[in-house]
Amino acid sequence: MKIYLRLLQETDAKMYRYLYRNIDWDEHCIAIIGAKGVGKTTMLLQHIKTTFANKDEALFASLDNTWFANHTIFDLADEFYKFTTIPIGQKKSKTFTIAFQN
């Protein structure tokens, strides 16, 4: 969580990649695949930074983090789902956006 918040704080939201406007951010699952260094992480962090007033409602995780040596992406989704709190009576609906590197 510390890494996520630090990256989010350092992300510049002034210039966007061309692909940003082509993504339907309302989808429940978005996968962005591309080579290292093309802007996947920046684009996702820009979206979180400009869309979510409460940064705890979104999460960015790099799949090359050592935590994933013993856990899966499903473990992460499960932990994030448990971590988020939704008031009683409201539907719990989250979007998971994942960036994969080749």
C-alpha atoms as a PDB file:
ATOM      1  CA  MET A   1       0.000   0.000   0.000  1.00  0.00           C
ATOM      2  CA  LYS A   2       2.899   2.350   0.755  1.00  0.00           C
ATOM      3  CA  ILE A   3       4.383   1.811  -2.704  1.00  0.00           C
ATOM      4  CA  TYR A   4       0.993   2.436  -4.327  1.00  0.00           C
ATOM      5  CA  LEU A   5       0.455   5.709  -2.447  1.00  0.00           C
ATOM      6  CA  ARG A   6       3.999   6.921  -3.207  1.00  0.00           C
ATOM      7  CA  LEU A   7       3.623   6.144  -6.913  1.00  0.00           C
ATOM      8  CA  LEU A   8       0.247   7.853  -6.964  1.00  0.00           C
ATOM      9  CA  GLN A   9       1.666  10.988  -5.383  1.00  0.00           C
ATOM     10  CA  GLU A  10       4.544  11.104  -7.903  1.00  0.00           C
ATOM     11  CA  THR A  11       2.286  10.625 -10.942  1.00  0.00           C
ATOM     12  CA  ASP A  12       1.838  13.653 -13.199  1.00  0.00           C
ATOM     13  CA  ALA A  13      -1.692  13.968 -14.559  1.00  0.00           C
ATOM     14  CA  LYS A  14      -0.988  16.725 -17.078  1.00  0.00           C
ATOM     15  CA  MET A  15      -0.236  14.677 -20.205  1.00  0.00           C
ATOM     16  CA  TYR A  16      -2.097  11.478 -21.148  1.00  0.00           C
ATOM     17  CA  ARG A  17      -1.169   8.633 -23.520  1.00  0.00           C
ATOM     18  CA  TYR A  18      -3.268   8.352 -26.698  1.00  0.00           C
ATOM     19  CA  LEU A  19      -4.721   5.036 -25.467  1.00  0.00           C
ATOM     20  CA  TYR A  20      -6.211   6.647 -22.349  1.00  0.00           C
ATOM     21  CA  ARG A  21      -9.236   8.037 -24.232  1.00  0.00           C
ATOM     22  CA  ASN A  22      -9.865   4.682 -25.955  1.00  0.00           C
ATOM     23  CA  ILE A  23     -10.298   2.683 -22.736  1.00  0.00           C
ATOM     24  CA  ASP A  24     -13.776   2.091 -21.337  1.00  0.00           C
ATOM     25  CA  TRP A  25     -12.906   2.717 -17.697  1.00  0.00           C
ATOM     26  CA  ASP A  26     -16.415   1.589 -16.651  1.00  0.00           C
ATOM     27  CA  GLU A  27     -15.609  -2.048 -17.473  1.00  0.00           C
ATOM     28  CA  HIS A  28     -15.222  -4.328 -14.440  1.00  0.00           C
ATOM     29  CA  CYS A  29     -11.923  -5.761 -15.611  1.00  0.00           C
ATOM     30  CA  ILE A  30      -9.386  -4.069 -17.850  1.00  0.00           C
ATOM     31  CA  ALA A  31      -6.081  -5.633 -18.861  1.00  0.00           C
ATOM     32  CA  ILE A  32      -3.414  -3.518 -20.506  1.00  0.00           C
ATOM     33  CA  ILE A  33      -0.615  -5.531 -22.068  1.00  0.00           C
ATOM     34  CA  GLY A  34       2.620  -4.019 -23.329  1.00  0.00           C
ATOM     35  CA  ALA A  35       6.369  -3.815 -23.129  1.00  0.00           C
ATOM     36  CA  LYS A  36       8.133  -2.366 -20.109  1.00  0.00           C
ATOM     37  CA  GLY A  37       8.329   1.427 -20.112  1.00  0.00           C
ATOM     38  CA  VAL A  38       5.517   2.245 -22.547  1.00  0.00           C
ATOM     39  CA  GLY A  39       3.303   3.968 -19.954  1.00  0.00           C
ATOM     40  CA  LYS A  40       0.896   1.313 -18.626  1.00  0.00           C
ATOM     41  CA  THR A  41       1.608   2.125 -14.991  1.00  0.00           C
ATOM     42  CA  THR A  42       1.480   5.877 -15.567  1.00  0.00           C
ATOM     43  CA  MET A  43      -1.854   5.599 -17.366  1.00  0.00           C
ATOM     44  CA  LEU A  44      -3.431   3.511 -14.607  1.00  0.00           C
ATOM     45  CA  LEU A  45      -2.135   5.777 -11.851  1.00  0.00           C
ATOM     46  CA  GLN A  46      -3.382   8.853 -13.736  1.00  0.00           C
ATOM     47  CA  HIS A  47      -6.828   7.284 -13.924  1.00  0.00           C
ATOM     48  CA  ILE A  48      -6.860   6.526 -10.205  1.00  0.00           C
ATOM     49  CA  LYS A  49      -5.539   9.971  -9.317  1.00  0.00           C
ATOM     50  CA  THR A  50      -8.122  11.857 -11.372  1.00  0.00           C
ATOM     51  CA  THR A  51     -11.133   9.578 -10.828  1.00  0.00           C
ATOM     52  CA  PHE A  52     -11.168   8.436  -7.205  1.00  0.00           C
ATOM     53  CA  ALA A  53     -11.680  11.048  -4.492  1.00  0.00           C
ATOM     54  CA  ASN A  54     -11.082   8.313  -1.929  1.00  0.00           C
ATOM     55  CA  LYS A  55      -7.820   6.638  -2.973  1.00  0.00           C
ATOM     56  CA  ASP A  56      -8.690   3.596  -0.795  1.00  0.00           C
ATOM     57  CA  GLU A  57     -11.344   2.664  -3.354  1.00  0.00           C
ATOM     58  CA  ALA A  58      -8.689   1.880  -5.947  1.00  0.00           C
ATOM     59  CA  LEU A  59      -5.482  -0.097  -5.930  1.00  0.00           C
ATOM     60  CA  PHE A  60      -2.493  -0.421  -8.195  1.00  0.00           C
ATOM     61  CA  ALA A  61      -0.143  -3.365  -7.769  1.00  0.00           C
ATOM     62  CA  SER A  62       2.812  -4.361  -9.900  1.00  0.00           C
ATOM     63  CA  LEU A  63       2.775  -8.081 -10.626  1.00  0.00           C
ATOM     64  CA  ASP A  64       6.575  -8.173 -10.454  1.00  0.00           C
ATOM     65  CA  ASN A  65       6.387  -7.349  -6.732  1.00  0.00           C
ATOM     66  CA  THR A  66       7.869 -10.142  -4.570  1.00  0.00           C
ATOM     67  CA  TRP A  67       4.498 -10.573  -2.802  1.00  0.00           C
ATOM     68  CA  PHE A  68       3.323 -12.398  -5.933  1.00  0.00           C
ATOM     69  CA  ALA A  69       5.986 -15.084  -5.510  1.00  0.00           C
ATOM     70  CA  ASN A  70       3.610 -16.746  -3.035  1.00  0.00           C
ATOM     71  CA  HIS A  71       0.269 -15.189  -4.017  1.00  0.00           C
ATOM     72  CA  THR A  72      -1.908 -14.897  -7.106  1.00  0.00           C
ATOM     73  CA  ILE A  73      -3.782 -11.992  -8.644  1.00  0.00           C
ATOM     74  CA  PHE A  74      -6.926 -13.600  -7.211  1.00  0.00           C
ATOM     75  CA  ASP A  75      -5.419 -13.395  -3.710  1.00  0.00           C
ATOM     76  CA  LEU A  76      -4.849  -9.690  -4.256  1.00  0.00           C
ATOM     77  CA  ALA A  77      -8.404  -9.134  -5.479  1.00  0.00           C
ATOM     78  CA  ASP A  78      -9.753 -11.050  -2.478  1.00  0.00           C
ATOM     79  CA  GLU A  79      -7.645  -9.032  -0.015  1.00  0.00           C
ATOM     80  CA  PHE A  80      -8.619  -5.743  -1.640  1.00  0.00           C
ATOM     81  CA  TYR A  81     -12.302  -6.711  -1.610  1.00  0.00           C
ATOM     82  CA  LYS A  82     -12.100  -7.539   2.114  1.00  0.00           C
ATOM     83  CA  PHE A  83     -10.151  -4.336   2.825  1.00  0.00           C
ATOM     84  CA  THR A  84     -12.722  -2.006   1.275  1.00  0.00           C
ATOM     85  CA  THR A  85     -15.704  -1.172   3.398  1.00  0.00           C
ATOM     86  CA  ILE A  86     -19.097  -0.419   1.918  1.00  0.00           C
ATOM     87  CA  PRO A  87     -21.940   0.924   4.092  1.00  0.00           C
ATOM     88  CA  ILE A  88     -24.742  -1.549   4.780  1.00  0.00           C
ATOM     89  CA  GLY A  89     -27.313  -1.562   1.982  1.00  0.00           C
ATOM     90  CA  GLN A  90     -24.918  -0.406  -0.740  1.00  0.00           C
ATOM     91  CA  LYS A  91     -23.812  -2.757  -3.487  1.00  0.00           C
ATOM     92  CA  LYS A  92     -20.135  -3.675  -3.405  1.00  0.00           C
ATOM     93  CA  SER A  93     -18.927  -3.124  -6.954  1.00  0.00           C
ATOM     94  CA  LYS A  94     -15.252  -2.703  -7.718  1.00  0.00           C
ATOM     95  CA  THR A  95     -13.281  -2.387 -10.907  1.00  0.00           C
ATOM     96  CA  PHE A  96      -9.966  -4.159 -11.139  1.00  0.00           C
ATOM     97  CA  THR A  97      -7.530  -2.829 -13.702  1.00  0.00           C
ATOM     98  CA  ILE A  98      -4.357  -4.777 -14.304  1.00  0.00           C
ATOM     99  CA  ALA A  99      -1.300  -3.876 -16.367  1.00  0.00           C
ATOM    100  CA  PHE A 100       0.823  -6.753 -17.644  1.00  0.00           C
ATOM    101  CA  GLN A 101       4.359  -6.426 -18.955  1.00  0.00           C
ATOM    102  CA  ASN A 102       5.774  -8.594 -21.715  1.00  0.00           C
END
